[in-house]
Amino acid sequence: MGMANLVKLDRLYKPWDETHNTFGNVVVLGFVIVQYLDGILTYLGVSTWGLTIEANPVVSSVMAYGGLGAGLVTAKLTAIALGIVLHMQRVHHLVAFLTLFYVAAAILPWTALFLTH
């Protein structure tokens, strides 16, 4: 590999501690907050209407197996951990998409359900 190729690779690779990405930091923080809110709303919803109200079959299965509290904490901590892994891999636009998806598919429906009942 010639010196020119090494210079090109050096421009493509930036160690984690050399890069400050405000967008990525804000997005992952938003993702964690949305997961927390979804956990609270899910807990309240399942406590009020039962396990069948949960639309996500993976989350409802984990809660059915581990109990409402432990199952929900496990599901939310797993989601947060995977979001942080994506953040560390610098896939910030995907984390932003997932944050918006959770707002649209979880936070807004739970909020609408609570406001109408």
PDB file of N, CA and C in Angstrom:
ATOM      1  N   MET A   1       0.858  -1.170   0.000  1.00  0.00           N
ATOM      2  CA  MET A   1       0.000   0.000   0.000  1.00  0.00           C
ATOM      3  C   MET A   1       0.905   1.234   0.000  1.00  0.00           C
ATOM      4  N   GLY A   2       0.654   2.105  -0.924  1.00  0.00           N
ATOM      5  CA  GLY A   2       1.482   3.290  -1.044  1.00  0.00           C
ATOM      6  C   GLY A   2       1.101   4.363  -0.043  1.00  0.00           C
ATOM      7  N   MET A   3       1.947   5.366   0.069  1.00  0.00           N
ATOM      8  CA  MET A   3       1.718   6.466   1.001  1.00  0.00           C
ATOM      9  C   MET A   3       0.439   7.230   0.658  1.00  0.00           C
ATOM     10  N   ALA A   4       0.113   7.360  -0.614  1.00  0.00           N
ATOM     11  CA  ALA A   4      -1.098   8.072  -1.024  1.00  0.00           C
ATOM     12  C   ALA A   4      -2.346   7.362  -0.503  1.00  0.00           C
ATOM     13  N   ASN A   5      -2.355   6.033  -0.543  1.00  0.00           N
ATOM     14  CA  ASN A   5      -3.499   5.276  -0.027  1.00  0.00           C
ATOM     15  C   ASN A   5      -3.627   5.429   1.483  1.00  0.00           C
ATOM     16  N   LEU A   6      -2.511   5.476   2.202  1.00  0.00           N
ATOM     17  CA  LEU A   6      -2.557   5.661   3.646  1.00  0.00           C
ATOM     18  C   LEU A   6      -3.141   7.019   4.013  1.00  0.00           C
ATOM     19  N   VAL A   7      -2.787   8.031   3.239  1.00  0.00           N
ATOM     20  CA  VAL A   7      -3.328   9.369   3.495  1.00  0.00           C
ATOM     21  C   VAL A   7      -4.832   9.372   3.269  1.00  0.00           C
ATOM     22  N   LYS A   8      -5.324   8.702   2.222  1.00  0.00           N
ATOM     23  CA  LYS A   8      -6.759   8.642   1.944  1.00  0.00           C
ATOM     24  C   LYS A   8      -7.493   7.924   3.075  1.00  0.00           C
ATOM     25  N   LEU A   9      -6.941   6.809   3.549  1.00  0.00           N
ATOM     26  CA  LEU A   9      -7.573   6.087   4.650  1.00  0.00           C
ATOM     27  C   LEU A   9      -7.595   6.921   5.918  1.00  0.00           C
ATOM     28  N   ASP A  10      -6.544   7.684   6.153  1.00  0.00           N
ATOM     29  CA  ASP A  10      -6.472   8.516   7.341  1.00  0.00           C
ATOM     30  C   ASP A  10      -7.592   9.556   7.351  1.00  0.00           C
ATOM     31  N   ARG A  11      -7.974  10.051   6.197  1.00  0.00           N
ATOM     32  CA  ARG A  11      -9.052  11.030   6.126  1.00  0.00           C
ATOM     33  C   ARG A  11     -10.416  10.384   6.367  1.00  0.00           C
ATOM     34  N   LEU A  12     -10.549   9.094   6.038  1.00  0.00           N
ATOM     35  CA  LEU A  12     -11.820   8.411   6.233  1.00  0.00           C
ATOM     36  C   LEU A  12     -12.041   7.998   7.686  1.00  0.00           C
ATOM     37  N   TYR A  13     -10.991   7.693   8.381  1.00  0.00           N
ATOM     38  CA  TYR A  13     -11.093   7.186   9.744  1.00  0.00           C
ATOM     39  C   TYR A  13     -10.763   8.274  10.751  1.00  0.00           C
ATOM     40  N   LYS A  14     -11.681   8.471  11.691  1.00  0.00           N
ATOM     41  CA  LYS A  14     -11.449   9.418  12.774  1.00  0.00           C
ATOM     42  C   LYS A  14     -11.755   8.698  14.069  1.00  0.00           C
ATOM     43  N   PRO A  15     -10.796   8.601  14.964  1.00  0.00           N
ATOM     44  CA  PRO A  15     -11.074   7.937  16.242  1.00  0.00           C
ATOM     45  C   PRO A  15     -12.226   8.617  16.978  1.00  0.00           C
ATOM     46  N   TRP A  16     -12.939   7.834  17.792  1.00  0.00           N
ATOM     47  CA  TRP A  16     -14.120   8.306  18.502  1.00  0.00           C
ATOM     48  C   TRP A  16     -13.827   9.571  19.311  1.00  0.00           C
ATOM     49  N   ASP A  17     -12.685   9.614  20.018  1.00  0.00           N
ATOM     50  CA  ASP A  17     -12.426  10.744  20.898  1.00  0.00           C
ATOM     51  C   ASP A  17     -12.051  12.019  20.145  1.00  0.00           C
ATOM     52  N   GLU A  18     -11.810  11.936  18.860  1.00  0.00           N
ATOM     53  CA  GLU A  18     -11.461  13.132  18.093  1.00  0.00           C
ATOM     54  C   GLU A  18     -12.673  13.811  17.470  1.00  0.00           C
ATOM     55  N   THR A  19     -13.797  13.161  17.492  1.00  0.00           N
ATOM     56  CA  THR A  19     -14.966  13.689  16.807  1.00  0.00           C
ATOM     57  C   THR A  19     -16.014  14.128  17.825  1.00  0.00           C
ATOM     58  N   HIS A  20     -16.499  15.326  17.663  1.00  0.00           N
ATOM     59  CA  HIS A  20     -17.599  15.810  18.500  1.00  0.00           C
ATOM     60  C   HIS A  20     -18.805  15.983  17.586  1.00  0.00           C
ATOM     61  N   ASN A  21     -19.845  15.212  17.841  1.00  0.00           N
ATOM     62  CA  ASN A  21     -21.004  15.236  16.971  1.00  0.00           C
ATOM     63  C   ASN A  21     -22.225  15.654  17.784  1.00  0.00           C
ATOM     64  N   THR A  22     -22.552  16.932  17.756  1.00  0.00           N
ATOM     65  CA  THR A  22     -23.679  17.448  18.526  1.00  0.00           C
ATOM     66  C   THR A  22     -24.988  16.812  18.071  1.00  0.00           C
ATOM     67  N   PHE A  23     -25.175  16.671  16.769  1.00  0.00           N
ATOM     68  CA  PHE A  23     -26.392  16.048  16.244  1.00  0.00           C
ATOM     69  C   PHE A  23     -26.556  14.641  16.821  1.00  0.00           C
ATOM     70  N   GLY A  24     -25.511  13.856  16.768  1.00  0.00           N
ATOM     71  CA  GLY A  24     -25.573  12.488  17.278  1.00  0.00           C
ATOM     72  C   GLY A  24     -25.860  12.438  18.766  1.00  0.00           C
ATOM     73  N   ASN A  25     -25.244  13.338  19.522  1.00  0.00           N
ATOM     74  CA  ASN A  25     -25.473  13.370  20.967  1.00  0.00           C
ATOM     75  C   ASN A  25     -26.908  13.751  21.300  1.00  0.00           C
ATOM     76  N   VAL A  26     -27.446  14.737  20.599  1.00  0.00           N
ATOM     77  CA  VAL A  26     -28.830  15.166  20.831  1.00  0.00           C
ATOM     78  C   VAL A  26     -29.799  14.054  20.435  1.00  0.00           C
ATOM     79  N   VAL A  27     -29.516  13.402  19.318  1.00  0.00           N
ATOM     80  CA  VAL A  27     -30.396  12.333  18.837  1.00  0.00           C
ATOM     81  C   VAL A  27     -30.422  11.165  19.812  1.00  0.00           C
ATOM     82  N   VAL A  28     -29.266  10.733  20.303  1.00  0.00           N
ATOM     83  CA  VAL A  28     -29.259   9.584  21.217  1.00  0.00           C
ATOM     84  C   VAL A  28     -29.902   9.964  22.548  1.00  0.00           C
ATOM     85  N   LEU A  29     -29.741  11.179  22.994  1.00  0.00           N
ATOM     86  CA  LEU A  29     -30.418  11.629  24.211  1.00  0.00           C
ATOM     87  C   LEU A  29     -31.937  11.620  23.998  1.00  0.00           C
ATOM     88  N   GLY A  30     -32.379  12.110  22.846  1.00  0.00           N
ATOM     89  CA  GLY A  30     -33.808  12.065  22.514  1.00  0.00           C
ATOM     90  C   GLY A  30     -34.326  10.641  22.464  1.00  0.00           C
ATOM     91  N   PHE A  31     -33.531   9.734  21.920  1.00  0.00           N
ATOM     92  CA  PHE A  31     -33.917   8.326  21.842  1.00  0.00           C
ATOM     93  C   PHE A  31     -34.115   7.746  23.243  1.00  0.00           C
ATOM     94  N   VAL A  32     -33.191   8.039  24.138  1.00  0.00           N
ATOM     95  CA  VAL A  32     -33.293   7.535  25.512  1.00  0.00           C
ATOM     96  C   VAL A  32     -34.535   8.115  26.199  1.00  0.00           C
ATOM     97  N   ILE A  33     -34.792   9.387  26.022  1.00  0.00           N
ATOM     98  CA  ILE A  33     -35.967  10.023  26.626  1.00  0.00           C
ATOM     99  C   ILE A  33     -37.258   9.408  26.092  1.00  0.00           C
ATOM    100  N   VAL A  34     -37.320   9.184  24.784  1.00  0.00           N
ATOM    101  CA  VAL A  34     -38.513   8.585  24.181  1.00  0.00           C
ATOM    102  C   VAL A  34     -38.708   7.155  24.694  1.00  0.00           C
ATOM    103  N   GLN A  35     -37.625   6.409  24.847  1.00  0.00           N
ATOM    104  CA  GLN A  35     -37.744   5.053  25.402  1.00  0.00           C
ATOM    105  C   GLN A  35     -38.280   5.099  26.833  1.00  0.00           C
ATOM    106  N   TYR A  36     -37.790   6.028  27.605  1.00  0.00           N
ATOM    107  CA  TYR A  36     -38.247   6.199  28.986  1.00  0.00           C
ATOM    108  C   TYR A  36     -39.746   6.539  29.014  1.00  0.00           C
ATOM    109  N   LEU A  37     -40.153   7.495  28.189  1.00  0.00           N
ATOM    110  CA  LEU A  37     -41.568   7.870  28.120  1.00  0.00           C
ATOM    111  C   LEU A  37     -42.437   6.698  27.664  1.00  0.00           C
ATOM    112  N   ASP A  38     -41.967   5.968  26.677  1.00  0.00           N
ATOM    113  CA  ASP A  38     -42.716   4.806  26.206  1.00  0.00           C
ATOM    114  C   ASP A  38     -42.834   3.764  27.314  1.00  0.00           C
ATOM    115  N   GLY A  39     -41.791   3.588  28.087  1.00  0.00           N
ATOM    116  CA  GLY A  39     -41.855   2.652  29.204  1.00  0.00           C
ATOM    117  C   GLY A  39     -42.898   3.054  30.228  1.00  0.00           C
ATOM    118  N   ILE A  40     -42.928   4.331  30.562  1.00  0.00           N
ATOM    119  CA  ILE A  40     -43.915   4.827  31.537  1.00  0.00           C
ATOM    120  C   ILE A  40     -45.334   4.650  30.997  1.00  0.00           C
ATOM    121  N   LEU A  41     -45.543   5.067  29.753  1.00  0.00           N
ATOM    122  CA  LEU A  41     -46.877   4.960  29.160  1.00  0.00           C
ATOM    123  C   LEU A  41     -47.307   3.501  29.005  1.00  0.00           C
ATOM    124  N   THR A  42     -46.382   2.644  28.622  1.00  0.00           N
ATOM    125  CA  THR A  42     -46.701   1.220  28.495  1.00  0.00           C
ATOM    126  C   THR A  42     -47.068   0.633  29.850  1.00  0.00           C
ATOM    127  N   TYR A  43     -46.306   0.980  30.870  1.00  0.00           N
ATOM    128  CA  TYR A  43     -46.603   0.488  32.214  1.00  0.00           C
ATOM    129  C   TYR A  43     -48.006   0.917  32.653  1.00  0.00           C
ATOM    130  N   LEU A  44     -48.306   2.190  32.456  1.00  0.00           N
ATOM    131  CA  LEU A  44     -49.631   2.695  32.836  1.00  0.00           C
ATOM    132  C   LEU A  44     -50.735   2.039  32.015  1.00  0.00           C
ATOM    133  N   GLY A  45     -50.496   1.891  30.705  1.00  0.00           N
ATOM    134  CA  GLY A  45     -51.496   1.284  29.836  1.00  0.00           C
ATOM    135  C   GLY A  45     -51.760  -0.172  30.167  1.00  0.00           C
ATOM    136  N   VAL A  46     -50.701  -0.939  30.367  1.00  0.00           N
ATOM    137  CA  VAL A  46     -50.875  -2.353  30.685  1.00  0.00           C
ATOM    138  C   VAL A  46     -51.465  -2.513  32.080  1.00  0.00           C
ATOM    139  N   SER A  47     -51.090  -1.653  33.002  1.00  0.00           N
ATOM    140  CA  SER A  47     -51.681  -1.693  34.346  1.00  0.00           C
ATOM    141  C   SER A  47     -53.171  -1.391  34.312  1.00  0.00           C
ATOM    142  N   THR A  48     -53.571  -0.523  33.409  1.00  0.00           N
ATOM    143  CA  THR A  48     -54.976  -0.111  33.311  1.00  0.00           C
ATOM    144  C   THR A  48     -55.818  -1.099  32.516  1.00  0.00           C
ATOM    145  N   TRP A  49     -55.340  -1.493  31.326  1.00  0.00           N
ATOM    146  CA  TRP A  49     -56.161  -2.278  30.405  1.00  0.00           C
ATOM    147  C   TRP A  49     -55.695  -3.720  30.209  1.00  0.00           C
ATOM    148  N   GLY A  50     -54.612  -4.102  30.800  1.00  0.00           N
ATOM    149  CA  GLY A  50     -54.142  -5.479  30.654  1.00  0.00           C
ATOM    150  C   GLY A  50     -53.090  -5.616  29.564  1.00  0.00           C
ATOM    151  N   LEU A  51     -52.453  -6.771  29.552  1.00  0.00           N
ATOM    152  CA  LEU A  51     -51.322  -7.041  28.655  1.00  0.00           C
ATOM    153  C   LEU A  51     -51.703  -7.012  27.180  1.00  0.00           C
ATOM    154  N   THR A  52     -52.957  -7.305  26.870  1.00  0.00           N
ATOM    155  CA  THR A  52     -53.369  -7.360  25.461  1.00  0.00           C
ATOM    156  C   THR A  52     -53.369  -5.984  24.791  1.00  0.00           C
ATOM    157  N   ILE A  53     -53.275  -4.919  25.568  1.00  0.00           N
ATOM    158  CA  ILE A  53     -53.255  -3.569  24.988  1.00  0.00           C
ATOM    159  C   ILE A  53     -51.919  -3.267  24.314  1.00  0.00           C
ATOM    160  N   GLU A  54     -50.856  -3.969  24.713  1.00  0.00           N
ATOM    161  CA  GLU A  54     -49.528  -3.738  24.127  1.00  0.00           C
ATOM    162  C   GLU A  54     -49.494  -4.288  22.705  1.00  0.00           C
ATOM    163  N   ALA A  55     -49.188  -3.421  21.740  1.00  0.00           N
ATOM    164  CA  ALA A  55     -49.215  -3.787  20.328  1.00  0.00           C
ATOM    165  C   ALA A  55     -47.949  -4.507  19.869  1.00  0.00           C
ATOM    166  N   ASN A  56     -46.837  -4.302  20.558  1.00  0.00           N
ATOM    167  CA  ASN A  56     -45.581  -4.927  20.153  1.00  0.00           C
ATOM    168  C   ASN A  56     -45.534  -6.347  20.713  1.00  0.00           C
ATOM    169  N   PRO A  57     -45.554  -7.365  19.835  1.00  0.00           N
ATOM    170  CA  PRO A  57     -45.578  -8.746  20.329  1.00  0.00           C
ATOM    171  C   PRO A  57     -44.311  -9.152  21.080  1.00  0.00           C
ATOM    172  N   VAL A  58     -43.183  -8.564  20.747  1.00  0.00           N
ATOM    173  CA  VAL A  58     -41.949  -8.883  21.466  1.00  0.00           C
ATOM    174  C   VAL A  58     -42.035  -8.347  22.889  1.00  0.00           C
ATOM    175  N   VAL A  59     -42.440  -7.100  23.043  1.00  0.00           N
ATOM    176  CA  VAL A  59     -42.543  -6.497  24.375  1.00  0.00           C
ATOM    177  C   VAL A  59     -43.608  -7.204  25.200  1.00  0.00           C
ATOM    178  N   SER A  60     -44.752  -7.514  24.599  1.00  0.00           N
ATOM    179  CA  SER A  60     -45.801  -8.196  25.370  1.00  0.00           C
ATOM    180  C   SER A  60     -45.357  -9.597  25.780  1.00  0.00           C
ATOM    181  N   SER A  61     -44.591 -10.279  24.938  1.00  0.00           N
ATOM    182  CA  SER A  61     -44.074 -11.602  25.299  1.00  0.00           C
ATOM    183  C   SER A  61     -43.074 -11.522  26.442  1.00  0.00           C
ATOM    184  N   VAL A  62     -42.194 -10.523  26.394  1.00  0.00           N
ATOM    185  CA  VAL A  62     -41.212 -10.353  27.468  1.00  0.00           C
ATOM    186  C   VAL A  62     -41.931 -10.025  28.776  1.00  0.00           C
ATOM    187  N   MET A  63     -42.956  -9.196  28.714  1.00  0.00           N
ATOM    188  CA  MET A  63     -43.713  -8.861  29.920  1.00  0.00           C
ATOM    189  C   MET A  63     -44.504 -10.063  30.421  1.00  0.00           C
ATOM    190  N   ALA A  64     -45.042 -10.876  29.511  1.00  0.00           N
ATOM    191  CA  ALA A  64     -45.786 -12.068  29.927  1.00  0.00           C
ATOM    192  C   ALA A  64     -44.850 -13.063  30.609  1.00  0.00           C
ATOM    193  N   TYR A  65     -43.639 -13.171  30.126  1.00  0.00           N
ATOM    194  CA  TYR A  65     -42.667 -14.109  30.690  1.00  0.00           C
ATOM    195  C   TYR A  65     -42.046 -13.585  31.981  1.00  0.00           C
ATOM    196  N   GLY A  66     -41.630 -12.322  31.991  1.00  0.00           N
ATOM    197  CA  GLY A  66     -40.878 -11.789  33.129  1.00  0.00           C
ATOM    198  C   GLY A  66     -41.677 -10.955  34.102  1.00  0.00           C
ATOM    199  N   GLY A  67     -42.940 -10.719  33.797  1.00  0.00           N
ATOM    200  CA  GLY A  67     -43.745  -9.833  34.636  1.00  0.00           C
ATOM    201  C   GLY A  67     -43.730  -8.425  34.070  1.00  0.00           C
ATOM    202  N   LEU A  68     -44.710  -7.648  34.476  1.00  0.00           N
ATOM    203  CA  LEU A  68     -44.861  -6.302  33.924  1.00  0.00           C
ATOM    204  C   LEU A  68     -43.624  -5.452  34.163  1.00  0.00           C
ATOM    205  N   GLY A  69     -43.196  -5.323  35.399  1.00  0.00           N
ATOM    206  CA  GLY A  69     -42.060  -4.446  35.713  1.00  0.00           C
ATOM    207  C   GLY A  69     -40.758  -4.940  35.124  1.00  0.00           C
ATOM    208  N   ALA A  70     -40.388  -6.170  35.456  1.00  0.00           N
ATOM    209  CA  ALA A  70     -39.102  -6.712  35.003  1.00  0.00           C
ATOM    210  C   ALA A  70     -39.061  -6.866  33.479  1.00  0.00           C
ATOM    211  N   GLY A  71     -40.164  -7.324  32.905  1.00  0.00           N
ATOM    212  CA  GLY A  71     -40.204  -7.493  31.456  1.00  0.00           C
ATOM    213  C   GLY A  71     -40.090  -6.176  30.718  1.00  0.00           C
ATOM    214  N   LEU A  72     -40.785  -5.177  31.210  1.00  0.00           N
ATOM    215  CA  LEU A  72     -40.748  -3.861  30.565  1.00  0.00           C
ATOM    216  C   LEU A  72     -39.380  -3.210  30.721  1.00  0.00           C
ATOM    217  N   VAL A  73     -38.798  -3.302  31.904  1.00  0.00           N
ATOM    218  CA  VAL A  73     -37.452  -2.752  32.116  1.00  0.00           C
ATOM    219  C   VAL A  73     -36.448  -3.452  31.205  1.00  0.00           C
ATOM    220  N   THR A  74     -36.561  -4.769  31.088  1.00  0.00           N
ATOM    221  CA  THR A  74     -35.663  -5.521  30.199  1.00  0.00           C
ATOM    222  C   THR A  74     -35.808  -5.057  28.750  1.00  0.00           C
ATOM    223  N   ALA A  75     -37.035  -4.924  28.290  1.00  0.00           N
ATOM    224  CA  ALA A  75     -37.276  -4.498  26.905  1.00  0.00           C
ATOM    225  C   ALA A  75     -36.742  -3.089  26.651  1.00  0.00           C
ATOM    226  N   LYS A  76     -37.006  -2.176  27.567  1.00  0.00           N
ATOM    227  CA  LYS A  76     -36.579  -0.786  27.370  1.00  0.00           C
ATOM    228  C   LYS A  76     -35.063  -0.639  27.489  1.00  0.00           C
ATOM    229  N   LEU A  77     -34.445  -1.337  28.449  1.00  0.00           N
ATOM    230  CA  LEU A  77     -32.982  -1.265  28.568  1.00  0.00           C
ATOM    231  C   LEU A  77     -32.292  -1.888  27.355  1.00  0.00           C
ATOM    232  N   THR A  78     -32.886  -2.930  26.807  1.00  0.00           N
ATOM    233  CA  THR A  78     -32.335  -3.529  25.579  1.00  0.00           C
ATOM    234  C   THR A  78     -32.429  -2.547  24.423  1.00  0.00           C
ATOM    235  N   ALA A  79     -33.571  -1.898  24.273  1.00  0.00           N
ATOM    236  CA  ALA A  79     -33.735  -0.905  23.204  1.00  0.00           C
ATOM    237  C   ALA A  79     -32.743   0.245  23.375  1.00  0.00           C
ATOM    238  N   ILE A  80     -32.594   0.726  24.610  1.00  0.00           N
ATOM    239  CA  ILE A  80     -31.647   1.823  24.866  1.00  0.00           C
ATOM    240  C   ILE A  80     -30.226   1.379  24.557  1.00  0.00           C
ATOM    241  N   ALA A  81     -29.863   0.174  24.988  1.00  0.00           N
ATOM    242  CA  ALA A  81     -28.509  -0.334  24.720  1.00  0.00           C
ATOM    243  C   ALA A  81     -28.243  -0.433  23.217  1.00  0.00           C
ATOM    244  N   LEU A  82     -29.214  -0.926  22.472  1.00  0.00           N
ATOM    245  CA  LEU A  82     -29.032  -1.026  21.014  1.00  0.00           C
ATOM    246  C   LEU A  82     -28.961   0.355  20.368  1.00  0.00           C
ATOM    247  N   GLY A  83     -29.733   1.309  20.870  1.00  0.00           N
ATOM    248  CA  GLY A  83     -29.648   2.682  20.367  1.00  0.00           C
ATOM    249  C   GLY A  83     -28.282   3.289  20.630  1.00  0.00           C
ATOM    250  N   ILE A  84     -27.717   3.005  21.795  1.00  0.00           N
ATOM    251  CA  ILE A  84     -26.381   3.513  22.122  1.00  0.00           C
ATOM    252  C   ILE A  84     -25.322   2.851  21.250  1.00  0.00           C
ATOM    253  N   VAL A  85     -25.492   1.559  20.967  1.00  0.00           N
ATOM    254  CA  VAL A  85     -24.556   0.882  20.049  1.00  0.00           C
ATOM    255  C   VAL A  85     -24.594   1.549  18.677  1.00  0.00           C
ATOM    256  N   LEU A  86     -25.792   1.838  18.189  1.00  0.00           N
ATOM    257  CA  LEU A  86     -25.897   2.548  16.904  1.00  0.00           C
ATOM    258  C   LEU A  86     -25.239   3.922  16.981  1.00  0.00           C
ATOM    259  N   HIS A  87     -25.423   4.610  18.080  1.00  0.00           N
ATOM    260  CA  HIS A  87     -24.790   5.922  18.281  1.00  0.00           C
ATOM    261  C   HIS A  87     -23.272   5.787  18.257  1.00  0.00           C
ATOM    262  N   MET A  88     -22.761   4.788  18.930  1.00  0.00           N
ATOM    263  CA  MET A  88     -21.310   4.593  18.964  1.00  0.00           C
ATOM    264  C   MET A  88     -20.754   4.202  17.593  1.00  0.00           C
ATOM    265  N   GLN A  89     -21.597   3.598  16.769  1.00  0.00           N
ATOM    266  CA  GLN A  89     -21.199   3.270  15.400  1.00  0.00           C
ATOM    267  C   GLN A  89     -21.430   4.442  14.450  1.00  0.00           C
ATOM    268  N   ARG A  90     -21.878   5.541  15.009  1.00  0.00           N
ATOM    269  CA  ARG A  90     -22.125   6.788  14.280  1.00  0.00           C
ATOM    270  C   ARG A  90     -23.219   6.667  13.219  1.00  0.00           C
ATOM    271  N   VAL A  91     -24.242   5.905  13.518  1.00  0.00           N
ATOM    272  CA  VAL A  91     -25.379   5.766  12.614  1.00  0.00           C
ATOM    273  C   VAL A  91     -26.492   6.671  13.148  1.00  0.00           C
ATOM    274  N   HIS A  92     -26.169   7.950  13.245  1.00  0.00           N
ATOM    275  CA  HIS A  92     -27.052   8.905  13.910  1.00  0.00           C
ATOM    276  C   HIS A  92     -28.372   9.115  13.183  1.00  0.00           C
ATOM    277  N   HIS A  93     -28.368   9.051  11.874  1.00  0.00           N
ATOM    278  CA  HIS A  93     -29.620   9.248  11.146  1.00  0.00           C
ATOM    279  C   HIS A  93     -30.583   8.091  11.408  1.00  0.00           C
ATOM    280  N   LEU A  94     -30.064   6.888  11.583  1.00  0.00           N
ATOM    281  CA  LEU A  94     -30.919   5.754  11.922  1.00  0.00           C
ATOM    282  C   LEU A  94     -31.496   5.914  13.328  1.00  0.00           C
ATOM    283  N   VAL A  95     -30.685   6.379  14.260  1.00  0.00           N
ATOM    284  CA  VAL A  95     -31.178   6.629  15.627  1.00  0.00           C
ATOM    285  C   VAL A  95     -32.247   7.723  15.588  1.00  0.00           C
ATOM    286  N   ALA A  96     -32.049   8.737  14.779  1.00  0.00           N
ATOM    287  CA  ALA A  96     -33.053   9.804  14.641  1.00  0.00           C
ATOM    288  C   ALA A  96     -34.351   9.237  14.061  1.00  0.00           C
ATOM    289  N   PHE A  97     -34.232   8.397  13.039  1.00  0.00           N
ATOM    290  CA  PHE A  97     -35.414   7.761  12.443  1.00  0.00           C
ATOM    291  C   PHE A  97     -36.143   6.911  13.474  1.00  0.00           C
ATOM    292  N   LEU A  98     -35.404   6.104  14.232  1.00  0.00           N
ATOM    293  CA  LEU A  98     -36.029   5.249  15.242  1.00  0.00           C
ATOM    294  C   LEU A  98     -36.705   6.075  16.334  1.00  0.00           C
ATOM    295  N   THR A  99     -36.110   7.203  16.685  1.00  0.00           N
ATOM    296  CA  THR A  99     -36.721   8.087  17.677  1.00  0.00           C
ATOM    297  C   THR A  99     -38.054   8.614  17.163  1.00  0.00           C
ATOM    298  N   LEU A 100     -38.067   9.101  15.931  1.00  0.00           N
ATOM    299  CA  LEU A 100     -39.319   9.588  15.335  1.00  0.00           C
ATOM    300  C   LEU A 100     -40.341   8.464  15.176  1.00  0.00           C
ATOM    301  N   PHE A 101     -39.861   7.277  14.815  1.00  0.00           N
ATOM    302  CA  PHE A 101     -40.754   6.128  14.683  1.00  0.00           C
ATOM    303  C   PHE A 101     -41.426   5.814  16.023  1.00  0.00           C
ATOM    304  N   TYR A 102     -40.648   5.798  17.105  1.00  0.00           N
ATOM    305  CA  TYR A 102     -41.219   5.536  18.422  1.00  0.00           C
ATOM    306  C   TYR A 102     -42.219   6.616  18.834  1.00  0.00           C
ATOM    307  N   VAL A 103     -41.937   7.852  18.497  1.00  0.00           N
ATOM    308  CA  VAL A 103     -42.896   8.917  18.811  1.00  0.00           C
ATOM    309  C   VAL A 103     -44.202   8.658  18.064  1.00  0.00           C
ATOM    310  N   ALA A 104     -44.096   8.326  16.773  1.00  0.00           N
ATOM    311  CA  ALA A 104     -45.298   8.124  15.951  1.00  0.00           C
ATOM    312  C   ALA A 104     -46.027   6.824  16.288  1.00  0.00           C
ATOM    313  N   ALA A 105     -45.287   5.753  16.556  1.00  0.00           N
ATOM    314  CA  ALA A 105     -45.911   4.438  16.731  1.00  0.00           C
ATOM    315  C   ALA A 105     -46.194   4.076  18.185  1.00  0.00           C
ATOM    316  N   ALA A 106     -45.630   4.834  19.133  1.00  0.00           N
ATOM    317  CA  ALA A 106     -45.833   4.476  20.541  1.00  0.00           C
ATOM    318  C   ALA A 106     -46.323   5.654  21.379  1.00  0.00           C
ATOM    319  N   ILE A 107     -45.588   6.734  21.373  1.00  0.00           N
ATOM    320  CA  ILE A 107     -45.928   7.859  22.248  1.00  0.00           C
ATOM    321  C   ILE A 107     -47.269   8.478  21.857  1.00  0.00           C
ATOM    322  N   LEU A 108     -47.448   8.797  20.585  1.00  0.00           N
ATOM    323  CA  LEU A 108     -48.713   9.412  20.154  1.00  0.00           C
ATOM    324  C   LEU A 108     -49.913   8.486  20.340  1.00  0.00           C
ATOM    325  N   PRO A 109     -49.829   7.191  19.967  1.00  0.00           N
ATOM    326  CA  PRO A 109     -50.988   6.318  20.221  1.00  0.00           C
ATOM    327  C   PRO A 109     -51.319   6.159  21.709  1.00  0.00           C
ATOM    328  N   TRP A 110     -50.294   5.993  22.560  1.00  0.00           N
ATOM    329  CA  TRP A 110     -50.563   5.902  23.998  1.00  0.00           C
ATOM    330  C   TRP A 110     -51.225   7.186  24.489  1.00  0.00           C
ATOM    331  N   THR A 111     -50.703   8.325  24.059  1.00  0.00           N
ATOM    332  CA  THR A 111     -51.246   9.611  24.501  1.00  0.00           C
ATOM    333  C   THR A 111     -52.705   9.748  24.062  1.00  0.00           C
ATOM    334  N   ALA A 112     -52.985   9.392  22.827  1.00  0.00           N
ATOM    335  CA  ALA A 112     -54.354   9.465  22.322  1.00  0.00           C
ATOM    336  C   ALA A 112     -55.273   8.529  23.104  1.00  0.00           C
ATOM    337  N   LEU A 113     -54.779   7.342  23.413  1.00  0.00           N
ATOM    338  CA  LEU A 113     -55.586   6.384  24.169  1.00  0.00           C
ATOM    339  C   LEU A 113     -55.913   6.913  25.563  1.00  0.00           C
ATOM    340  N   PHE A 114     -54.919   7.469  26.218  1.00  0.00           N
ATOM    341  CA  PHE A 114     -55.157   8.017  27.565  1.00  0.00           C
ATOM    342  C   PHE A 114     -56.084   9.232  27.538  1.00  0.00           C
ATOM    343  N   LEU A 115     -55.974  10.056  26.507  1.00  0.00           N
ATOM    344  CA  LEU A 115     -56.824  11.245  26.431  1.00  0.00           C
ATOM    345  C   LEU A 115     -58.275  10.927  26.088  1.00  0.00           C
ATOM    346  N   THR A 116     -58.501   9.836  25.392  1.00  0.00           N
ATOM    347  CA  THR A 116     -59.873   9.480  24.984  1.00  0.00           C
ATOM    348  C   THR A 116     -60.576   8.556  25.955  1.00  0.00           C
ATOM    349  N   HIS A 117     -59.860   7.989  26.913  1.00  0.00           N
ATOM    350  CA  HIS A 117     -60.503   7.062  27.862  1.00  0.00           C
ATOM    351  C   HIS A 117     -60.388   7.562  29.263  1.00  0.00           C
TER     352      HIS A 117
END
